N, C-alpha and C. Protein backbone atom coordinates (compact mmCIF):
# COMPACT_ATOMS: atom_id res chain seq x y z
N MET A 1 0.85 -1.18 0.00
CA MET A 1 0.00 0.00 0.00
C MET A 1 0.89 1.23 0.00
N ALA A 2 0.53 2.19 -0.77
CA ALA A 2 1.31 3.41 -0.88
C ALA A 2 1.04 4.33 0.30
N LEU A 3 2.02 5.17 0.63
CA LEU A 3 1.80 6.16 1.67
C LEU A 3 0.78 7.19 1.25
N ASN A 4 0.79 7.54 -0.02
CA ASN A 4 -0.17 8.47 -0.58
C ASN A 4 -1.35 7.67 -1.14
N PRO A 5 -2.56 7.86 -0.62
CA PRO A 5 -3.68 7.05 -1.12
C PRO A 5 -4.01 7.31 -2.58
N ASN A 6 -3.50 8.38 -3.15
CA ASN A 6 -3.74 8.66 -4.56
C ASN A 6 -2.81 7.88 -5.48
N HIS A 7 -1.82 7.20 -4.91
CA HIS A 7 -0.86 6.43 -5.69
C HIS A 7 -0.95 4.99 -5.21
N ALA A 8 -1.97 4.28 -5.69
CA ALA A 8 -2.28 2.94 -5.21
C ALA A 8 -1.61 1.87 -6.07
N PHE A 9 -1.36 0.74 -5.45
CA PHE A 9 -0.80 -0.42 -6.12
C PHE A 9 -1.71 -1.61 -5.85
N GLU A 10 -1.82 -2.48 -6.83
CA GLU A 10 -2.59 -3.72 -6.67
C GLU A 10 -2.01 -4.77 -7.59
N ASP A 11 -2.34 -6.02 -7.30
CA ASP A 11 -2.03 -7.11 -8.21
C ASP A 11 -3.20 -7.25 -9.16
N LEU A 12 -2.99 -6.95 -10.41
CA LEU A 12 -4.02 -7.11 -11.44
C LEU A 12 -3.64 -8.37 -12.22
N GLY A 13 -4.47 -9.38 -12.08
CA GLY A 13 -4.09 -10.68 -12.62
C GLY A 13 -2.99 -11.20 -11.72
N GLU A 14 -1.83 -11.41 -12.25
CA GLU A 14 -0.69 -11.82 -11.45
C GLU A 14 0.46 -10.82 -11.57
N VAL A 15 0.13 -9.59 -11.95
CA VAL A 15 1.14 -8.56 -12.17
C VAL A 15 0.93 -7.42 -11.19
N LYS A 16 1.99 -6.99 -10.52
CA LYS A 16 1.91 -5.84 -9.63
C LYS A 16 1.83 -4.58 -10.49
N CYS A 17 0.80 -3.75 -10.25
CA CYS A 17 0.57 -2.58 -11.09
C CYS A 17 0.27 -1.34 -10.27
N ALA A 18 0.61 -0.19 -10.83
CA ALA A 18 0.15 1.09 -10.31
C ALA A 18 -1.23 1.32 -10.91
N ILE A 19 -2.21 1.61 -10.05
CA ILE A 19 -3.58 1.77 -10.51
C ILE A 19 -3.75 3.15 -11.16
N VAL A 20 -4.29 3.14 -12.37
CA VAL A 20 -4.57 4.38 -13.08
C VAL A 20 -5.99 4.83 -12.76
N GLU A 21 -6.94 3.91 -12.88
CA GLU A 21 -8.33 4.25 -12.62
C GLU A 21 -9.12 2.96 -12.37
N LYS A 22 -10.12 3.05 -11.49
CA LYS A 22 -10.98 1.92 -11.19
C LYS A 22 -12.40 2.21 -11.68
N ASN A 23 -13.15 1.15 -11.89
CA ASN A 23 -14.56 1.23 -12.31
C ASN A 23 -14.74 2.05 -13.58
N CYS A 24 -13.93 1.76 -14.58
CA CYS A 24 -14.02 2.46 -15.87
C CYS A 24 -15.03 1.76 -16.78
N THR A 25 -15.73 2.56 -17.54
CA THR A 25 -16.61 2.02 -18.57
C THR A 25 -15.76 1.45 -19.70
N PRO A 26 -16.33 0.62 -20.56
CA PRO A 26 -15.53 0.10 -21.68
C PRO A 26 -14.97 1.20 -22.59
N GLU A 27 -15.72 2.29 -22.79
CA GLU A 27 -15.24 3.38 -23.63
C GLU A 27 -14.05 4.09 -22.97
N ARG A 28 -14.15 4.34 -21.67
CA ARG A 28 -13.07 4.99 -20.93
C ARG A 28 -11.84 4.09 -20.90
N THR A 29 -12.05 2.79 -20.75
CA THR A 29 -10.95 1.84 -20.73
C THR A 29 -10.19 1.87 -22.06
N ALA A 30 -10.92 1.89 -23.16
CA ALA A 30 -10.27 1.93 -24.48
C ALA A 30 -9.47 3.22 -24.65
N PHE A 31 -10.04 4.36 -24.20
CA PHE A 31 -9.35 5.64 -24.29
C PHE A 31 -8.04 5.61 -23.50
N LEU A 32 -8.11 5.15 -22.24
CA LEU A 32 -6.90 5.12 -21.41
C LEU A 32 -5.86 4.14 -21.94
N LYS A 33 -6.31 3.00 -22.43
CA LYS A 33 -5.38 2.01 -22.97
C LYS A 33 -4.62 2.59 -24.16
N ASP A 34 -5.34 3.21 -25.09
CA ASP A 34 -4.69 3.79 -26.26
C ASP A 34 -3.72 4.90 -25.87
N LEU A 35 -4.13 5.77 -24.95
CA LEU A 35 -3.29 6.89 -24.54
C LEU A 35 -2.03 6.41 -23.82
N LEU A 36 -2.18 5.48 -22.90
CA LEU A 36 -1.03 5.02 -22.12
C LEU A 36 -0.07 4.18 -22.96
N GLU A 37 -0.60 3.36 -23.86
CA GLU A 37 0.28 2.59 -24.74
C GLU A 37 1.02 3.51 -25.71
N PHE A 38 0.38 4.59 -26.15
CA PHE A 38 1.04 5.56 -27.01
C PHE A 38 2.24 6.18 -26.29
N ASN A 39 2.13 6.33 -24.96
CA ASN A 39 3.21 6.91 -24.16
C ASN A 39 4.21 5.87 -23.66
N GLY A 40 4.10 4.64 -24.13
CA GLY A 40 5.10 3.63 -23.84
C GLY A 40 4.89 2.81 -22.57
N PHE A 41 3.70 2.84 -21.99
CA PHE A 41 3.42 2.07 -20.79
C PHE A 41 2.79 0.73 -21.17
N GLU A 42 3.09 -0.29 -20.36
CA GLU A 42 2.43 -1.58 -20.52
C GLU A 42 1.17 -1.55 -19.67
N VAL A 43 0.02 -1.69 -20.31
CA VAL A 43 -1.28 -1.54 -19.64
C VAL A 43 -1.85 -2.90 -19.30
N VAL A 44 -2.40 -3.02 -18.08
CA VAL A 44 -3.07 -4.23 -17.64
C VAL A 44 -4.51 -3.85 -17.29
N ILE A 45 -5.46 -4.60 -17.84
CA ILE A 45 -6.89 -4.32 -17.61
C ILE A 45 -7.55 -5.59 -17.09
N VAL A 46 -8.29 -5.45 -15.98
CA VAL A 46 -9.06 -6.56 -15.43
C VAL A 46 -10.47 -6.08 -15.11
N ASN A 47 -11.39 -7.01 -15.01
CA ASN A 47 -12.76 -6.66 -14.61
C ASN A 47 -12.77 -6.20 -13.17
N SER A 48 -13.51 -5.14 -12.89
CA SER A 48 -13.68 -4.67 -11.51
C SER A 48 -14.68 -5.58 -10.82
N PRO A 49 -14.51 -5.79 -9.52
CA PRO A 49 -15.50 -6.59 -8.81
C PRO A 49 -16.83 -5.85 -8.78
N PRO A 50 -17.94 -6.58 -8.73
CA PRO A 50 -19.23 -5.91 -8.69
C PRO A 50 -19.37 -5.09 -7.42
N PRO A 51 -20.11 -4.00 -7.47
CA PRO A 51 -20.25 -3.16 -6.27
C PRO A 51 -21.00 -3.92 -5.18
N LYS A 52 -20.60 -3.64 -3.95
CA LYS A 52 -21.26 -4.27 -2.82
C LYS A 52 -22.57 -3.54 -2.58
N ALA A 53 -23.65 -4.27 -2.60
CA ALA A 53 -24.97 -3.67 -2.40
C ALA A 53 -25.49 -4.05 -1.02
N ALA A 54 -26.13 -3.12 -0.39
CA ALA A 54 -26.74 -3.39 0.92
C ALA A 54 -27.94 -4.30 0.73
N ALA A 55 -28.20 -5.12 1.73
CA ALA A 55 -29.35 -6.02 1.66
C ALA A 55 -30.63 -5.19 1.60
N LYS A 56 -31.51 -5.55 0.69
CA LYS A 56 -32.76 -4.82 0.54
C LYS A 56 -33.75 -5.30 1.59
N PRO A 57 -34.51 -4.39 2.15
CA PRO A 57 -35.52 -4.82 3.12
C PRO A 57 -36.60 -5.64 2.42
N ALA A 58 -37.19 -6.55 3.18
CA ALA A 58 -38.23 -7.41 2.62
C ALA A 58 -39.44 -6.55 2.27
N ALA A 59 -40.02 -6.82 1.13
CA ALA A 59 -41.20 -6.08 0.69
C ALA A 59 -42.41 -6.56 1.49
N PRO A 60 -43.29 -5.65 1.86
CA PRO A 60 -44.48 -6.08 2.59
C PRO A 60 -45.36 -6.95 1.71
N VAL A 61 -45.94 -7.95 2.33
CA VAL A 61 -46.78 -8.88 1.59
C VAL A 61 -48.18 -8.29 1.51
N ALA A 62 -48.66 -8.11 0.31
CA ALA A 62 -50.00 -7.56 0.10
C ALA A 62 -50.99 -8.72 0.05
N GLU A 63 -52.15 -8.49 0.62
CA GLU A 63 -53.17 -9.52 0.59
C GLU A 63 -53.84 -9.50 -0.77
N ASN A 64 -53.90 -10.66 -1.38
CA ASN A 64 -54.50 -10.78 -2.71
C ASN A 64 -55.90 -11.36 -2.58
N ALA A 65 -56.71 -11.03 -3.52
CA ALA A 65 -58.05 -11.64 -3.58
C ALA A 65 -57.88 -13.11 -3.87
N GLU A 66 -58.86 -13.89 -3.47
CA GLU A 66 -58.76 -15.32 -3.69
C GLU A 66 -58.64 -15.62 -5.17
N GLY A 67 -57.73 -16.51 -5.49
CA GLY A 67 -57.54 -16.93 -6.87
C GLY A 67 -56.61 -16.04 -7.66
N ALA A 68 -56.20 -14.91 -7.10
CA ALA A 68 -55.30 -14.01 -7.84
C ALA A 68 -53.86 -14.48 -7.64
N GLU A 69 -53.08 -14.37 -8.68
CA GLU A 69 -51.68 -14.77 -8.59
C GLU A 69 -50.88 -13.65 -7.94
N PRO A 70 -49.87 -14.01 -7.16
CA PRO A 70 -49.05 -12.97 -6.54
C PRO A 70 -48.26 -12.22 -7.61
N ALA A 71 -48.02 -10.95 -7.34
CA ALA A 71 -47.26 -10.12 -8.28
C ALA A 71 -45.81 -10.57 -8.29
N PRO A 72 -45.20 -10.59 -9.46
CA PRO A 72 -43.79 -11.01 -9.51
C PRO A 72 -42.90 -9.97 -8.81
N ALA A 73 -41.83 -10.47 -8.24
CA ALA A 73 -40.89 -9.59 -7.56
C ALA A 73 -40.16 -8.74 -8.60
N PRO A 74 -39.92 -7.46 -8.30
CA PRO A 74 -39.20 -6.63 -9.27
C PRO A 74 -37.77 -7.13 -9.46
N VAL A 75 -37.35 -7.12 -10.70
CA VAL A 75 -36.01 -7.61 -11.05
C VAL A 75 -35.11 -6.40 -11.24
N SER A 76 -34.02 -6.38 -10.51
CA SER A 76 -33.07 -5.27 -10.67
C SER A 76 -32.13 -5.58 -11.82
N PRO A 77 -31.75 -4.57 -12.57
CA PRO A 77 -30.85 -4.81 -13.70
C PRO A 77 -29.47 -5.23 -13.19
N PRO A 78 -28.76 -6.02 -13.97
CA PRO A 78 -27.43 -6.43 -13.54
C PRO A 78 -26.50 -5.22 -13.49
N PRO A 79 -25.51 -5.25 -12.60
CA PRO A 79 -24.59 -4.11 -12.53
C PRO A 79 -23.80 -3.98 -13.83
N PRO A 80 -23.45 -2.76 -14.23
CA PRO A 80 -22.70 -2.58 -15.47
C PRO A 80 -21.30 -3.17 -15.35
N THR A 81 -20.77 -3.62 -16.47
CA THR A 81 -19.42 -4.16 -16.49
C THR A 81 -18.42 -3.00 -16.45
N THR A 82 -17.56 -3.03 -15.46
CA THR A 82 -16.53 -1.99 -15.34
C THR A 82 -15.17 -2.65 -15.24
N PHE A 83 -14.14 -1.85 -15.44
CA PHE A 83 -12.78 -2.37 -15.50
C PHE A 83 -11.85 -1.55 -14.60
N THR A 84 -10.77 -2.19 -14.17
CA THR A 84 -9.69 -1.53 -13.46
C THR A 84 -8.50 -1.47 -14.41
N VAL A 85 -7.94 -0.28 -14.56
CA VAL A 85 -6.81 -0.06 -15.48
C VAL A 85 -5.58 0.21 -14.65
N GLY A 86 -4.49 -0.48 -14.97
CA GLY A 86 -3.22 -0.27 -14.29
C GLY A 86 -2.07 -0.34 -15.27
N VAL A 87 -0.91 0.13 -14.84
CA VAL A 87 0.30 0.04 -15.65
C VAL A 87 1.37 -0.67 -14.83
N THR A 88 2.27 -1.34 -15.51
CA THR A 88 3.30 -2.12 -14.82
C THR A 88 4.42 -1.25 -14.25
N ASP A 89 4.51 0.00 -14.68
CA ASP A 89 5.50 0.93 -14.14
C ASP A 89 4.99 1.43 -12.79
N LEU A 90 5.58 0.94 -11.70
CA LEU A 90 5.09 1.27 -10.36
C LEU A 90 5.36 2.71 -9.96
N SER A 91 6.18 3.42 -10.69
CA SER A 91 6.43 4.82 -10.37
C SER A 91 5.42 5.75 -11.03
N PHE A 92 4.51 5.20 -11.84
CA PHE A 92 3.54 6.02 -12.56
C PHE A 92 2.44 6.50 -11.63
N SER A 93 2.17 7.79 -11.68
CA SER A 93 1.04 8.39 -10.98
C SER A 93 0.29 9.24 -12.01
N PRO A 94 -0.99 8.95 -12.24
CA PRO A 94 -1.71 9.72 -13.26
C PRO A 94 -1.82 11.19 -12.92
N ILE A 95 -1.92 11.53 -11.65
CA ILE A 95 -2.01 12.94 -11.25
C ILE A 95 -0.72 13.66 -11.61
N ASN A 96 0.41 13.08 -11.24
CA ASN A 96 1.70 13.70 -11.56
C ASN A 96 1.94 13.76 -13.07
N ALA A 97 1.57 12.71 -13.77
CA ALA A 97 1.82 12.67 -15.21
C ALA A 97 1.03 13.75 -15.95
N VAL A 98 -0.20 14.00 -15.54
CA VAL A 98 -1.02 15.01 -16.23
C VAL A 98 -0.56 16.41 -15.86
N TYR A 99 -0.41 16.68 -14.57
CA TYR A 99 -0.07 18.05 -14.15
C TYR A 99 1.38 18.42 -14.43
N ASN A 100 2.27 17.45 -14.55
CA ASN A 100 3.66 17.75 -14.93
C ASN A 100 3.84 17.74 -16.45
N ARG A 101 2.74 17.54 -17.17
CA ARG A 101 2.74 17.57 -18.64
C ARG A 101 3.69 16.54 -19.23
N GLU A 102 3.66 15.32 -18.65
CA GLU A 102 4.55 14.25 -19.10
C GLU A 102 3.93 13.38 -20.18
N LEU A 103 2.63 13.41 -20.34
CA LEU A 103 1.96 12.56 -21.32
C LEU A 103 1.68 13.32 -22.60
N ARG A 104 1.75 12.60 -23.70
CA ARG A 104 1.45 13.17 -25.02
C ARG A 104 0.28 12.43 -25.63
N ALA A 105 -0.58 13.16 -26.30
CA ALA A 105 -1.69 12.57 -27.05
C ALA A 105 -1.19 12.24 -28.45
N PRO A 106 -1.88 11.34 -29.15
CA PRO A 106 -1.49 11.12 -30.55
C PRO A 106 -1.50 12.44 -31.31
N GLY A 107 -0.47 12.67 -32.06
CA GLY A 107 -0.31 13.94 -32.77
C GLY A 107 0.69 14.84 -32.06
N GLY A 108 1.21 14.39 -30.90
CA GLY A 108 2.24 15.15 -30.20
C GLY A 108 1.74 16.21 -29.25
N MET A 109 0.42 16.34 -29.09
CA MET A 109 -0.10 17.36 -28.17
C MET A 109 0.11 16.92 -26.72
N ILE A 110 0.27 17.89 -25.84
CA ILE A 110 0.41 17.61 -24.42
C ILE A 110 -0.96 17.29 -23.84
N VAL A 111 -1.04 16.26 -23.00
CA VAL A 111 -2.31 15.86 -22.38
C VAL A 111 -2.63 16.82 -21.24
N THR A 112 -3.78 17.47 -21.32
CA THR A 112 -4.24 18.37 -20.27
C THR A 112 -5.29 17.66 -19.43
N THR A 113 -5.71 18.29 -18.34
CA THR A 113 -6.74 17.68 -17.50
C THR A 113 -8.05 17.52 -18.25
N ASP A 114 -8.42 18.46 -19.10
CA ASP A 114 -9.66 18.34 -19.87
C ASP A 114 -9.58 17.19 -20.87
N TYR A 115 -8.42 16.99 -21.46
CA TYR A 115 -8.26 15.87 -22.39
C TYR A 115 -8.29 14.56 -21.61
N TRP A 116 -7.61 14.49 -20.46
CA TRP A 116 -7.58 13.28 -19.65
C TRP A 116 -8.99 12.88 -19.20
N LYS A 117 -9.79 13.88 -18.84
CA LYS A 117 -11.16 13.60 -18.38
C LYS A 117 -12.15 13.51 -19.54
N GLN A 118 -11.65 13.58 -20.75
CA GLN A 118 -12.42 13.47 -21.99
C GLN A 118 -13.49 14.55 -22.11
N ARG A 119 -13.15 15.75 -21.69
CA ARG A 119 -14.05 16.89 -21.85
C ARG A 119 -13.85 17.57 -23.20
N GLU A 120 -12.66 17.40 -23.78
CA GLU A 120 -12.39 18.00 -25.09
C GLU A 120 -11.59 17.02 -25.93
N GLU A 121 -11.76 17.13 -27.24
CA GLU A 121 -11.11 16.23 -28.18
C GLU A 121 -9.66 16.64 -28.45
N VAL A 122 -9.40 17.93 -28.43
CA VAL A 122 -8.07 18.46 -28.74
C VAL A 122 -7.56 19.17 -27.51
N THR A 123 -6.29 18.96 -27.20
CA THR A 123 -5.74 19.60 -26.01
C THR A 123 -5.35 21.03 -26.32
N GLY A 124 -5.61 21.92 -25.39
CA GLY A 124 -5.19 23.31 -25.51
C GLY A 124 -3.89 23.47 -24.75
N ASN A 125 -2.80 23.00 -25.32
CA ASN A 125 -1.54 22.92 -24.60
C ASN A 125 -0.73 24.21 -24.62
N ARG A 126 -1.34 25.31 -24.99
CA ARG A 126 -0.60 26.56 -25.02
C ARG A 126 -0.46 27.16 -23.63
N LYS A 127 -1.43 26.86 -22.74
CA LYS A 127 -1.40 27.44 -21.40
C LYS A 127 -1.27 26.35 -20.35
N TRP A 128 -0.62 26.66 -19.25
CA TRP A 128 -0.55 25.76 -18.11
C TRP A 128 -1.90 25.75 -17.42
N TYR A 129 -2.18 24.72 -16.65
CA TYR A 129 -3.49 24.55 -16.05
C TYR A 129 -3.87 25.68 -15.10
N TRP A 130 -2.91 26.33 -14.46
CA TRP A 130 -3.24 27.40 -13.51
C TRP A 130 -3.45 28.74 -14.23
N GLN A 131 -3.19 28.81 -15.53
CA GLN A 131 -3.37 30.04 -16.27
C GLN A 131 -4.72 30.10 -16.98
N LYS A 132 -5.53 29.06 -16.88
CA LYS A 132 -6.82 29.04 -17.58
C LYS A 132 -7.86 29.84 -16.85
């Protein structure tokens, strides 16, 4: 376990990895995989465990008229499939990499926080993050 909770390590599969992000959607996972592999990192992706749900209270039993069939129990949708993304370079910290301008997007642009969070398609790398 890291001293800084923002720089976490885990065994993904059988490989010790620095965690980039947990509970990613498939689209986010593909974005991070492409970006990190472009920057020369070996990416490891595993399925995230399903979220722990609290036990639901028992539904009150309604009295039915004679001969009426009981109402079916409501079916909850299955939890969405999410992924945990990590890199094998244990010194990697996504916070440091973005704010120190160490990552490049395809095309040579510097990765900004808006690009990392997928708020914009093209990075505005002319200004530092504190000058915006």
